[in-house]
């Protein structure tokens, strides 16, 4: 399979266009001394983003909210427990991914 030159340039262009708006603000902000209230606000951004993603995934599926067919709820419950007990975003994400993968893999 060969890749055309045009496709390669499109791929590089889209990568650059995606990369710049995500990294440039981080580079600029990391060099600034931000006030305390801004740092306090930014501390809550990962939690807000994670909550929005989880709520969208769990609450907008076609199945009934709590049913044997809804694997999202079955994975959500242990994930929520880990989040509340550890307050670690990394452990919460890993728990959610592992629970979802196990539930999808197990024959239920």
PDB file of N, CA and C in Angstrom:
ATOM      1  N   UNK A   1       0.840  -1.167   0.000  1.00  0.00           N
ATOM      2  CA  UNK A   1       0.000   0.000   0.000  1.00  0.00           C
ATOM      3  C   UNK A   1       0.891   1.237   0.000  1.00  0.00           C
ATOM      4  N   UNK A   2       0.641   2.137  -0.904  1.00  0.00           N
ATOM      5  CA  UNK A   2       1.442   3.352  -0.976  1.00  0.00           C
ATOM      6  C   UNK A   2       0.621   4.538  -0.475  1.00  0.00           C
ATOM      7  N   UNK A   3       1.327   5.481   0.073  1.00  0.00           N
ATOM      8  CA  UNK A   3       0.706   6.699   0.585  1.00  0.00           C
ATOM      9  C   UNK A   3       1.073   7.844  -0.342  1.00  0.00           C
ATOM     10  N   UNK A   4       0.064   8.560  -0.808  1.00  0.00           N
ATOM     11  CA  UNK A   4       0.338   9.654  -1.738  1.00  0.00           C
ATOM     12  C   UNK A   4       0.997  10.825  -0.999  1.00  0.00           C
ATOM     13  N   UNK A   5       1.707  11.610  -1.742  1.00  0.00           N
ATOM     14  CA  UNK A   5       2.391  12.774  -1.186  1.00  0.00           C
ATOM     15  C   UNK A   5       1.378  13.773  -0.613  1.00  0.00           C
ATOM     16  N   UNK A   6       0.236  13.933  -1.294  1.00  0.00           N
ATOM     17  CA  UNK A   6      -0.792  14.855  -0.818  1.00  0.00           C
ATOM     18  C   UNK A   6      -1.348  14.409   0.534  1.00  0.00           C
ATOM     19  N   UNK A   7      -1.583  13.110   0.671  1.00  0.00           N
ATOM     20  CA  UNK A   7      -2.094  12.594   1.933  1.00  0.00           C
ATOM     21  C   UNK A   7      -1.087  12.810   3.052  1.00  0.00           C
ATOM     22  N   UNK A   8       0.169  12.581   2.774  1.00  0.00           N
ATOM     23  CA  UNK A   8       1.212  12.770   3.778  1.00  0.00           C
ATOM     24  C   UNK A   8       1.270  14.230   4.232  1.00  0.00           C
ATOM     25  N   UNK A   9       1.185  15.183   3.298  1.00  0.00           N
ATOM     26  CA  UNK A   9       1.195  16.600   3.667  1.00  0.00           C
ATOM     27  C   UNK A   9      -0.061  16.973   4.454  1.00  0.00           C
ATOM     28  N   UNK A  10      -1.211  16.384   4.089  1.00  0.00           N
ATOM     29  CA  UNK A  10      -2.441  16.635   4.848  1.00  0.00           C
ATOM     30  C   UNK A  10      -2.311  16.115   6.272  1.00  0.00           C
ATOM     31  N   UNK A  11      -1.728  14.937   6.413  1.00  0.00           N
ATOM     32  CA  UNK A  11      -1.536  14.347   7.731  1.00  0.00           C
ATOM     33  C   UNK A  11      -0.614  15.207   8.583  1.00  0.00           C
ATOM     34  N   UNK A  12       0.478  15.661   8.023  1.00  0.00           N
ATOM     35  CA  UNK A  12       1.413  16.524   8.751  1.00  0.00           C
ATOM     36  C   UNK A  12       0.731  17.844   9.113  1.00  0.00           C
ATOM     37  N   UNK A  13      -0.013  18.410   8.171  1.00  0.00           N
ATOM     38  CA  UNK A  13      -0.712  19.669   8.432  1.00  0.00           C
ATOM     39  C   UNK A  13      -1.742  19.561   9.541  1.00  0.00           C
ATOM     40  N   UNK A  14      -2.537  18.516   9.516  1.00  0.00           N
ATOM     41  CA  UNK A  14      -3.542  18.346  10.564  1.00  0.00           C
ATOM     42  C   UNK A  14      -2.887  18.079  11.917  1.00  0.00           C
ATOM     43  N   UNK A  15      -1.767  17.377  11.922  1.00  0.00           N
ATOM     44  CA  UNK A  15      -1.051  17.138  13.180  1.00  0.00           C
ATOM     45  C   UNK A  15      -0.538  18.456  13.757  1.00  0.00           C
ATOM     46  N   UNK A  16       0.021  19.302  12.906  1.00  0.00           N
ATOM     47  CA  UNK A  16       0.535  20.597  13.368  1.00  0.00           C
ATOM     48  C   UNK A  16      -0.606  21.483  13.861  1.00  0.00           C
ATOM     49  N   UNK A  17      -1.696  21.525  13.099  1.00  0.00           N
ATOM     50  CA  UNK A  17      -2.846  22.357  13.479  1.00  0.00           C
ATOM     51  C   UNK A  17      -3.466  21.860  14.784  1.00  0.00           C
ATOM     52  N   UNK A  18      -3.417  20.584  15.035  1.00  0.00           N
ATOM     53  CA  UNK A  18      -3.938  20.036  16.288  1.00  0.00           C
ATOM     54  C   UNK A  18      -2.962  20.262  17.435  1.00  0.00           C
ATOM     55  N   UNK A  19      -1.686  20.141  17.172  1.00  0.00           N
ATOM     56  CA  UNK A  19      -0.655  20.224  18.208  1.00  0.00           C
ATOM     57  C   UNK A  19      -0.474  21.653  18.730  1.00  0.00           C
ATOM     58  N   UNK A  20      -0.447  22.628  17.844  1.00  0.00           N
ATOM     59  CA  UNK A  20      -0.146  24.013  18.241  1.00  0.00           C
ATOM     60  C   UNK A  20      -1.161  24.584  19.235  1.00  0.00           C
ATOM     61  N   UNK A  21      -2.475  24.516  18.977  1.00  0.00           N
ATOM     62  CA  UNK A  21      -3.400  25.116  19.954  1.00  0.00           C
ATOM     63  C   UNK A  21      -3.426  24.398  21.301  1.00  0.00           C
ATOM     64  N   UNK A  22      -2.956  23.178  21.347  1.00  0.00           N
ATOM     65  CA  UNK A  22      -2.945  22.457  22.623  1.00  0.00           C
ATOM     66  C   UNK A  22      -1.685  22.717  23.428  1.00  0.00           C
ATOM     67  N   UNK A  23      -0.577  22.925  22.757  1.00  0.00           N
ATOM     68  CA  UNK A  23       0.682  23.089  23.483  1.00  0.00           C
ATOM     69  C   UNK A  23       1.096  24.535  23.670  1.00  0.00           C
ATOM     70  N   UNK A  24       0.778  25.395  22.727  1.00  0.00           N
ATOM     71  CA  UNK A  24       1.196  26.788  22.823  1.00  0.00           C
ATOM     72  C   UNK A  24       0.667  27.470  24.091  1.00  0.00           C
ATOM     73  N   UNK A  25      -0.622  27.326  24.435  1.00  0.00           N
ATOM     74  CA  UNK A  25      -1.080  27.940  25.689  1.00  0.00           C
ATOM     75  C   UNK A  25      -0.357  27.384  26.920  1.00  0.00           C
ATOM     76  N   UNK A  26      -0.068  26.086  26.922  1.00  0.00           N
ATOM     77  CA  UNK A  26       0.648  25.509  28.064  1.00  0.00           C
ATOM     78  C   UNK A  26       2.056  26.080  28.184  1.00  0.00           C
ATOM     79  N   UNK A  27       2.723  26.248  27.068  1.00  0.00           N
ATOM     80  CA  UNK A  27       4.076  26.806  27.088  1.00  0.00           C
ATOM     81  C   UNK A  27       4.043  28.251  27.577  1.00  0.00           C
ATOM     82  N   UNK A  28       3.098  29.038  27.076  1.00  0.00           N
ATOM     83  CA  UNK A  28       3.011  30.444  27.482  1.00  0.00           C
ATOM     84  C   UNK A  28       2.628  30.595  28.953  1.00  0.00           C
ATOM     85  N   UNK A  29       1.654  29.822  29.401  1.00  0.00           N
ATOM     86  CA  UNK A  29       1.192  29.937  30.789  1.00  0.00           C
ATOM     87  C   UNK A  29       2.244  29.419  31.764  1.00  0.00           C
ATOM     88  N   UNK A  30       3.002  28.413  31.383  1.00  0.00           N
ATOM     89  CA  UNK A  30       4.005  27.871  32.299  1.00  0.00           C
ATOM     90  C   UNK A  30       5.108  28.879  32.606  1.00  0.00           C
ATOM     91  N   UNK A  31       5.283  29.871  31.755  1.00  0.00           N
ATOM     92  CA  UNK A  31       6.308  30.896  31.978  1.00  0.00           C
ATOM     93  C   UNK A  31       5.787  32.089  32.776  1.00  0.00           C
ATOM     94  N   UNK A  32       4.487  32.132  33.033  1.00  0.00           N
ATOM     95  CA  UNK A  32       3.892  33.244  33.762  1.00  0.00           C
ATOM     96  C   UNK A  32       3.721  32.906  35.230  1.00  0.00           C
ATOM     97  N   UNK A  33       3.734  33.919  36.067  1.00  0.00           N
ATOM     98  CA  UNK A  33       3.402  33.752  37.484  1.00  0.00           C
ATOM     99  C   UNK A  33       1.929  34.107  37.631  1.00  0.00           C
ATOM    100  N   UNK A  34       1.103  33.099  37.805  1.00  0.00           N
ATOM    101  CA  UNK A  34      -0.346  33.303  37.877  1.00  0.00           C
ATOM    102  C   UNK A  34      -0.769  33.598  39.311  1.00  0.00           C
ATOM    103  N   UNK A  35      -1.790  34.442  39.475  1.00  0.00           N
ATOM    104  CA  UNK A  35      -2.291  34.724  40.827  1.00  0.00           C
ATOM    105  C   UNK A  35      -2.867  33.471  41.480  1.00  0.00           C
ATOM    106  N   UNK A  36      -2.951  33.499  42.785  1.00  0.00           N
ATOM    107  CA  UNK A  36      -3.438  32.353  43.544  1.00  0.00           C
ATOM    108  C   UNK A  36      -4.842  31.921  43.178  1.00  0.00           C
ATOM    109  N   UNK A  37      -5.735  32.902  42.935  1.00  0.00           N
ATOM    110  CA  UNK A  37      -7.117  32.542  42.612  1.00  0.00           C
ATOM    111  C   UNK A  37      -7.209  31.835  41.253  1.00  0.00           C
ATOM    112  N   UNK A  38      -6.316  32.175  40.318  1.00  0.00           N
ATOM    113  CA  UNK A  38      -6.300  31.490  39.022  1.00  0.00           C
ATOM    114  C   UNK A  38      -5.797  30.060  39.197  1.00  0.00           C
ATOM    115  N   UNK A  39      -4.763  29.890  39.991  1.00  0.00           N
ATOM    116  CA  UNK A  39      -4.235  28.543  40.241  1.00  0.00           C
ATOM    117  C   UNK A  39      -5.279  27.679  40.954  1.00  0.00           C
ATOM    118  N   UNK A  40      -6.013  28.286  41.887  1.00  0.00           N
ATOM    119  CA  UNK A  40      -7.071  27.554  42.591  1.00  0.00           C
ATOM    120  C   UNK A  40      -8.161  27.125  41.613  1.00  0.00           C
ATOM    121  N   UNK A  41      -8.509  28.023  40.676  1.00  0.00           N
ATOM    122  CA  UNK A  41      -9.509  27.703  39.660  1.00  0.00           C
ATOM    123  C   UNK A  41      -9.010  26.586  38.743  1.00  0.00           C
ATOM    124  N   UNK A  42      -7.785  26.695  38.275  1.00  0.00           N
ATOM    125  CA  UNK A  42      -7.237  25.705  37.338  1.00  0.00           C
ATOM    126  C   UNK A  42      -7.076  24.325  37.973  1.00  0.00           C
ATOM    127  N   UNK A  43      -6.963  24.289  39.284  1.00  0.00           N
ATOM    128  CA  UNK A  43      -6.830  23.010  39.978  1.00  0.00           C
ATOM    129  C   UNK A  43      -8.081  22.143  39.808  1.00  0.00           C
ATOM    130  N   UNK A  44      -9.227  22.790  39.570  1.00  0.00           N
ATOM    131  CA  UNK A  44     -10.491  22.060  39.451  1.00  0.00           C
ATOM    132  C   UNK A  44     -10.839  21.674  38.014  1.00  0.00           C
ATOM    133  N   UNK A  45     -10.076  22.108  37.053  1.00  0.00           N
ATOM    134  CA  UNK A  45     -10.385  21.825  35.651  1.00  0.00           C
ATOM    135  C   UNK A  45     -10.349  20.321  35.338  1.00  0.00           C
ATOM    136  N   UNK A  46      -9.322  19.557  35.751  1.00  0.00           N
ATOM    137  CA  UNK A  46      -9.335  18.113  35.432  1.00  0.00           C
ATOM    138  C   UNK A  46     -10.556  17.393  35.999  1.00  0.00           C
ATOM    139  N   UNK A  47     -10.960  17.744  37.201  1.00  0.00           N
ATOM    140  CA  UNK A  47     -12.132  17.114  37.798  1.00  0.00           C
ATOM    141  C   UNK A  47     -13.401  17.458  37.022  1.00  0.00           C
ATOM    142  N   UNK A  48     -13.528  18.706  36.604  1.00  0.00           N
ATOM    143  CA  UNK A  48     -14.705  19.121  35.844  1.00  0.00           C
ATOM    144  C   UNK A  48     -14.767  18.420  34.492  1.00  0.00           C
ATOM    145  N   UNK A  49     -13.623  18.308  33.826  1.00  0.00           N
ATOM    146  CA  UNK A  49     -13.582  17.629  32.525  1.00  0.00           C
ATOM    147  C   UNK A  49     -13.911  16.150  32.692  1.00  0.00           C
ATOM    148  N   UNK A  50     -13.321  15.513  33.699  1.00  0.00           N
ATOM    149  CA  UNK A  50     -13.574  14.094  33.942  1.00  0.00           C
ATOM    150  C   UNK A  50     -15.052  13.856  34.270  1.00  0.00           C
ATOM    151  N   UNK A  51     -15.642  14.726  35.081  1.00  0.00           N
ATOM    152  CA  UNK A  51     -17.055  14.590  35.422  1.00  0.00           C
ATOM    153  C   UNK A  51     -17.940  14.705  34.186  1.00  0.00           C
ATOM    154  N   UNK A  52     -17.630  15.651  33.327  1.00  0.00           N
ATOM    155  CA  UNK A  52     -18.422  15.816  32.108  1.00  0.00           C
ATOM    156  C   UNK A  52     -18.314  14.591  31.208  1.00  0.00           C
ATOM    157  N   UNK A  53     -17.122  14.050  31.064  1.00  0.00           N
ATOM    158  CA  UNK A  53     -16.940  12.866  30.224  1.00  0.00           C
ATOM    159  C   UNK A  53     -17.664  11.651  30.787  1.00  0.00           C
ATOM    160  N   UNK A  54     -17.558  11.448  32.088  1.00  0.00           N
ATOM    161  CA  UNK A  54     -18.200  10.287  32.718  1.00  0.00           C
ATOM    162  C   UNK A  54     -19.719  10.435  32.672  1.00  0.00           C
ATOM    163  N   UNK A  55     -20.227  11.611  32.983  1.00  0.00           N
ATOM    164  CA  UNK A  55     -21.680  11.820  32.964  1.00  0.00           C
ATOM    165  C   UNK A  55     -22.232  11.583  31.567  1.00  0.00           C
ATOM    166  N   UNK A  56     -21.535  12.082  30.557  1.00  0.00           N
ATOM    167  CA  UNK A  56     -21.994  11.882  29.173  1.00  0.00           C
ATOM    168  C   UNK A  56     -21.993  10.402  28.811  1.00  0.00           C
ATOM    169  N   UNK A  57     -20.966   9.682  29.205  1.00  0.00           N
ATOM    170  CA  UNK A  57     -20.867   8.269  28.854  1.00  0.00           C
ATOM    171  C   UNK A  57     -21.900   7.422  29.591  1.00  0.00           C
ATOM    172  N   UNK A  58     -22.155   7.741  30.839  1.00  0.00           N
ATOM    173  CA  UNK A  58     -23.041   6.905  31.647  1.00  0.00           C
ATOM    174  C   UNK A  58     -24.506   7.270  31.458  1.00  0.00           C
ATOM    175  N   UNK A  59     -24.816   8.535  31.355  1.00  0.00           N
ATOM    176  CA  UNK A  59     -26.214   8.973  31.371  1.00  0.00           C
ATOM    177  C   UNK A  59     -26.869   9.063  30.000  1.00  0.00           C
ATOM    178  N   UNK A  60     -26.122   9.009  28.914  1.00  0.00           N
ATOM    179  CA  UNK A  60     -26.732   9.193  27.603  1.00  0.00           C
ATOM    180  C   UNK A  60     -26.776   7.923  26.771  1.00  0.00           C
ATOM    181  N   UNK A  61     -26.560   6.788  27.363  1.00  0.00           N
ATOM    182  CA  UNK A  61     -26.634   5.539  26.614  1.00  0.00           C
ATOM    183  C   UNK A  61     -28.084   5.139  26.410  1.00  0.00           C
ATOM    184  N   UNK A  62     -28.323   4.265  25.443  1.00  0.00           N
ATOM    185  CA  UNK A  62     -29.680   3.875  25.087  1.00  0.00           C
ATOM    186  C   UNK A  62     -30.365   2.964  26.086  1.00  0.00           C
ATOM    187  N   UNK A  63     -29.608   2.169  26.825  1.00  0.00           N
ATOM    188  CA  UNK A  63     -30.214   1.230  27.763  1.00  0.00           C
ATOM    189  C   UNK A  63     -30.753   1.966  28.988  1.00  0.00           C
ATOM    190  N   UNK A  64     -31.578   1.261  29.756  1.00  0.00           N
ATOM    191  CA  UNK A  64     -32.055   1.824  31.017  1.00  0.00           C
ATOM    192  C   UNK A  64     -30.856   2.118  31.914  1.00  0.00           C
ATOM    193  N   UNK A  65     -31.006   3.086  32.779  1.00  0.00           N
ATOM    194  CA  UNK A  65     -29.862   3.526  33.576  1.00  0.00           C
ATOM    195  C   UNK A  65     -29.218   2.377  34.342  1.00  0.00           C
ATOM    196  N   UNK A  66     -29.991   1.704  35.147  1.00  0.00           N
ATOM    197  CA  UNK A  66     -29.431   0.591  35.910  1.00  0.00           C
ATOM    198  C   UNK A  66     -30.111  -0.681  35.428  1.00  0.00           C
ATOM    199  N   UNK A  67     -29.395  -1.437  34.626  1.00  0.00           N
ATOM    200  CA  UNK A  67     -29.905  -2.696  34.108  1.00  0.00           C
ATOM    201  C   UNK A  67     -28.712  -3.607  33.839  1.00  0.00           C
ATOM    202  N   UNK A  68     -28.930  -4.896  33.730  1.00  0.00           N
ATOM    203  CA  UNK A  68     -27.817  -5.808  33.445  1.00  0.00           C
ATOM    204  C   UNK A  68     -27.169  -5.546  32.088  1.00  0.00           C
ATOM    205  N   UNK A  69     -27.892  -4.894  31.172  1.00  0.00           N
ATOM    206  CA  UNK A  69     -27.343  -4.629  29.845  1.00  0.00           C
ATOM    207  C   UNK A  69     -26.465  -3.393  29.791  1.00  0.00           C
ATOM    208  N   UNK A  70     -26.516  -2.559  30.799  1.00  0.00           N
ATOM    209  CA  UNK A  70     -25.768  -1.316  30.794  1.00  0.00           C
ATOM    210  C   UNK A  70     -24.426  -1.503  31.492  1.00  0.00           C
ATOM    211  N   UNK A  71     -23.400  -1.818  30.701  1.00  0.00           N
ATOM    212  CA  UNK A  71     -22.070  -2.060  31.260  1.00  0.00           C
ATOM    213  C   UNK A  71     -21.440  -0.790  31.810  1.00  0.00           C
ATOM    214  N   UNK A  72     -21.863   0.374  31.308  1.00  0.00           N
ATOM    215  CA  UNK A  72     -21.298   1.622  31.803  1.00  0.00           C
ATOM    216  C   UNK A  72     -21.585   1.817  33.289  1.00  0.00           C
ATOM    217  N   UNK A  73     -22.812   1.490  33.711  1.00  0.00           N
ATOM    218  CA  UNK A  73     -23.141   1.619  35.131  1.00  0.00           C
ATOM    219  C   UNK A  73     -22.389   0.604  35.972  1.00  0.00           C
ATOM    220  N   UNK A  74     -22.238  -0.598  35.451  1.00  0.00           N
ATOM    221  CA  UNK A  74     -21.513  -1.625  36.196  1.00  0.00           C
ATOM    222  C   UNK A  74     -20.047  -1.236  36.373  1.00  0.00           C
ATOM    223  N   UNK A  75     -19.462  -0.538  35.421  1.00  0.00           N
ATOM    224  CA  UNK A  75     -18.080  -0.072  35.546  1.00  0.00           C
ATOM    225  C   UNK A  75     -18.010   1.225  36.345  1.00  0.00           C
ATOM    226  N   UNK A  76     -19.080   2.018  36.301  1.00  0.00           N
ATOM    227  CA  UNK A  76     -19.098   3.306  36.985  1.00  0.00           C
ATOM    228  C   UNK A  76     -19.055   3.163  38.504  1.00  0.00           C
ATOM    229  N   UNK A  77     -19.742   2.180  39.041  1.00  0.00           N
ATOM    230  CA  UNK A  77     -19.856   2.039  40.495  1.00  0.00           C
ATOM    231  C   UNK A  77     -18.492   1.797  41.147  1.00  0.00           C
ATOM    232  N   UNK A  78     -17.683   0.809  40.707  1.00  0.00           N
ATOM    233  CA  UNK A  78     -16.361   0.673  41.326  1.00  0.00           C
ATOM    234  C   UNK A  78     -15.433   1.850  41.031  1.00  0.00           C
ATOM    235  N   UNK A  79     -15.604   2.457  39.865  1.00  0.00           N
ATOM    236  CA  UNK A  79     -14.787   3.621  39.521  1.00  0.00           C
ATOM    237  C   UNK A  79     -15.098   4.781  40.455  1.00  0.00           C
ATOM    238  N   UNK A  80     -16.369   5.002  40.725  1.00  0.00           N
ATOM    239  CA  UNK A  80     -16.761   6.055  41.660  1.00  0.00           C
ATOM    240  C   UNK A  80     -16.210   5.775  43.056  1.00  0.00           C
ATOM    241  N   UNK A  81     -16.259   4.515  43.473  1.00  0.00           N
ATOM    242  CA  UNK A  81     -15.723   4.164  44.794  1.00  0.00           C
ATOM    243  C   UNK A  81     -14.228   4.481  44.882  1.00  0.00           C
ATOM    244  N   UNK A  82     -13.481   4.134  43.839  1.00  0.00           N
ATOM    245  CA  UNK A  82     -12.040   4.433  43.830  1.00  0.00           C
ATOM    246  C   UNK A  82     -11.819   5.942  43.838  1.00  0.00           C
ATOM    247  N   UNK A  83     -12.617   6.680  43.083  1.00  0.00           N
ATOM    248  CA  UNK A  83     -12.464   8.137  43.032  1.00  0.00           C
ATOM    249  C   UNK A  83     -12.717   8.765  44.399  1.00  0.00           C
ATOM    250  N   UNK A  84     -13.753   8.313  45.080  1.00  0.00           N
ATOM    251  CA  UNK A  84     -14.079   8.882  46.384  1.00  0.00           C
ATOM    252  C   UNK A  84     -13.066   8.494  47.461  1.00  0.00           C
ATOM    253  N   UNK A  85     -12.551   7.271  47.380  1.00  0.00           N
ATOM    254  CA  UNK A  85     -11.609   6.815  48.403  1.00  0.00           C
ATOM    255  C   UNK A  85     -10.194   7.346  48.207  1.00  0.00           C
ATOM    256  N   UNK A  86      -9.745   7.435  46.966  1.00  0.00           N
ATOM    257  CA  UNK A  86      -8.344   7.804  46.720  1.00  0.00           C
ATOM    258  C   UNK A  86      -8.152   9.261  46.304  1.00  0.00           C
ATOM    259  N   UNK A  87      -9.175   9.867  45.704  1.00  0.00           N
ATOM    260  CA  UNK A  87      -9.075  11.230  45.158  1.00  0.00           C
ATOM    261  C   UNK A  87      -7.948  11.352  44.139  1.00  0.00           C
ATOM    262  N   UNK A  88      -7.656  10.240  43.459  1.00  0.00           N
ATOM    263  CA  UNK A  88      -6.594  10.211  42.451  1.00  0.00           C
ATOM    264  C   UNK A  88      -7.218  10.071  41.070  1.00  0.00           C
ATOM    265  N   UNK A  89      -6.947  11.044  40.209  1.00  0.00           N
ATOM    266  CA  UNK A  89      -7.482  11.005  38.854  1.00  0.00           C
ATOM    267  C   UNK A  89      -6.911   9.819  38.078  1.00  0.00           C
ATOM    268  N   UNK A  90      -5.632   9.554  38.241  1.00  0.00           N
ATOM    269  CA  UNK A  90      -4.993   8.439  37.533  1.00  0.00           C
ATOM    270  C   UNK A  90      -5.597   7.104  37.944  1.00  0.00           C
ATOM    271  N   UNK A  91      -5.725   6.855  39.233  1.00  0.00           N
ATOM    272  CA  UNK A  91      -6.309   5.587  39.688  1.00  0.00           C
ATOM    273  C   UNK A  91      -7.765   5.452  39.257  1.00  0.00           C
ATOM    274  N   UNK A  92      -8.487   6.565  39.242  1.00  0.00           N
ATOM    275  CA  UNK A  92      -9.880   6.533  38.812  1.00  0.00           C
ATOM    276  C   UNK A  92      -9.992   6.153  37.340  1.00  0.00           C
ATOM    277  N   UNK A  93      -9.174   6.759  36.510  1.00  0.00           N
ATOM    278  CA  UNK A  93      -9.205   6.454  35.077  1.00  0.00           C
ATOM    279  C   UNK A  93      -8.809   5.003  34.829  1.00  0.00           C
ATOM    280  N   UNK A  94      -7.749   4.550  35.483  1.00  0.00           N
ATOM    281  CA  UNK A  94      -7.296   3.164  35.303  1.00  0.00           C
ATOM    282  C   UNK A  94      -8.382   2.191  35.753  1.00  0.00           C
ATOM    283  N   UNK A  95      -9.020   2.467  36.874  1.00  0.00           N
ATOM    284  CA  UNK A  95     -10.091   1.602  37.357  1.00  0.00           C
ATOM    285  C   UNK A  95     -11.248   1.553  36.366  1.00  0.00           C
ATOM    286  N   UNK A  96     -11.638   2.693  35.842  1.00  0.00           N
ATOM    287  CA  UNK A  96     -12.726   2.730  34.874  1.00  0.00           C
ATOM    288  C   UNK A  96     -12.409   1.961  33.607  1.00  0.00           C
ATOM    289  N   UNK A  97     -11.193   2.133  33.100  1.00  0.00           N
ATOM    290  CA  UNK A  97     -10.791   1.424  31.876  1.00  0.00           C
ATOM    291  C   UNK A  97     -10.733  -0.077  32.121  1.00  0.00           C
ATOM    292  N   UNK A  98     -10.146  -0.484  33.237  1.00  0.00           N
ATOM    293  CA  UNK A  98     -10.025  -1.912  33.543  1.00  0.00           C
ATOM    294  C   UNK A  98     -11.406  -2.535  33.758  1.00  0.00           C
ATOM    295  N   UNK A  99     -12.271  -1.867  34.505  1.00  0.00           N
ATOM    296  CA  UNK A  99     -13.621  -2.405  34.743  1.00  0.00           C
ATOM    297  C   UNK A  99     -14.411  -2.521  33.444  1.00  0.00           C
ATOM    298  N   UNK A 100     -14.325  -1.496  32.602  1.00  0.00           N
ATOM    299  CA  UNK A 100     -15.039  -1.539  31.326  1.00  0.00           C
ATOM    300  C   UNK A 100     -14.503  -2.651  30.436  1.00  0.00           C
ATOM    301  N   UNK A 101     -13.186  -2.807  30.390  1.00  0.00           N
ATOM    302  CA  UNK A 101     -12.578  -3.858  29.565  1.00  0.00           C
ATOM    303  C   UNK A 101     -12.967  -5.244  30.077  1.00  0.00           C
ATOM    304  N   UNK A 102     -12.927  -5.436  31.393  1.00  0.00           N
ATOM    305  CA  UNK A 102     -13.298  -6.737  31.955  1.00  0.00           C
ATOM    306  C   UNK A 102     -14.764  -7.061  31.692  1.00  0.00           C
ATOM    307  N   UNK A 103     -15.630  -6.075  31.858  1.00  0.00           N
ATOM    308  CA  UNK A 103     -17.055  -6.316  31.631  1.00  0.00           C
ATOM    309  C   UNK A 103     -17.362  -6.588  30.156  1.00  0.00           C
ATOM    310  N   UNK A 104     -16.627  -5.968  29.271  1.00  0.00           N
ATOM    311  CA  UNK A 104     -16.826  -6.222  27.847  1.00  0.00           C
ATOM    312  C   UNK A 104     -16.258  -7.582  27.453  1.00  0.00           C
ATOM    313  N   UNK A 105     -15.224  -8.012  28.140  1.00  0.00           N
ATOM    314  CA  UNK A 105     -14.560  -9.268  27.814  1.00  0.00           C
ATOM    315  C   UNK A 105     -15.263 -10.470  28.413  1.00  0.00           C
ATOM    316  N   UNK A 106     -15.793 -10.325  29.627  1.00  0.00           N
ATOM    317  CA  UNK A 106     -16.454 -11.448  30.309  1.00  0.00           C
ATOM    318  C   UNK A 106     -17.785 -11.776  29.637  1.00  0.00           C
ATOM    319  N   UNK A 107     -18.082 -13.045  29.486  1.00  0.00           N
ATOM    320  CA  UNK A 107     -19.391 -13.418  28.916  1.00  0.00           C
ATOM    321  C   UNK A 107     -20.468 -13.308  29.998  1.00  0.00           C
ATOM    322  N   UNK A 108     -21.296 -12.300  29.879  1.00  0.00           N
ATOM    323  CA  UNK A 108     -22.354 -12.096  30.891  1.00  0.00           C
ATOM    324  C   UNK A 108     -23.704 -12.468  30.326  1.00  0.00           C
TER     325      UNK A 108
END
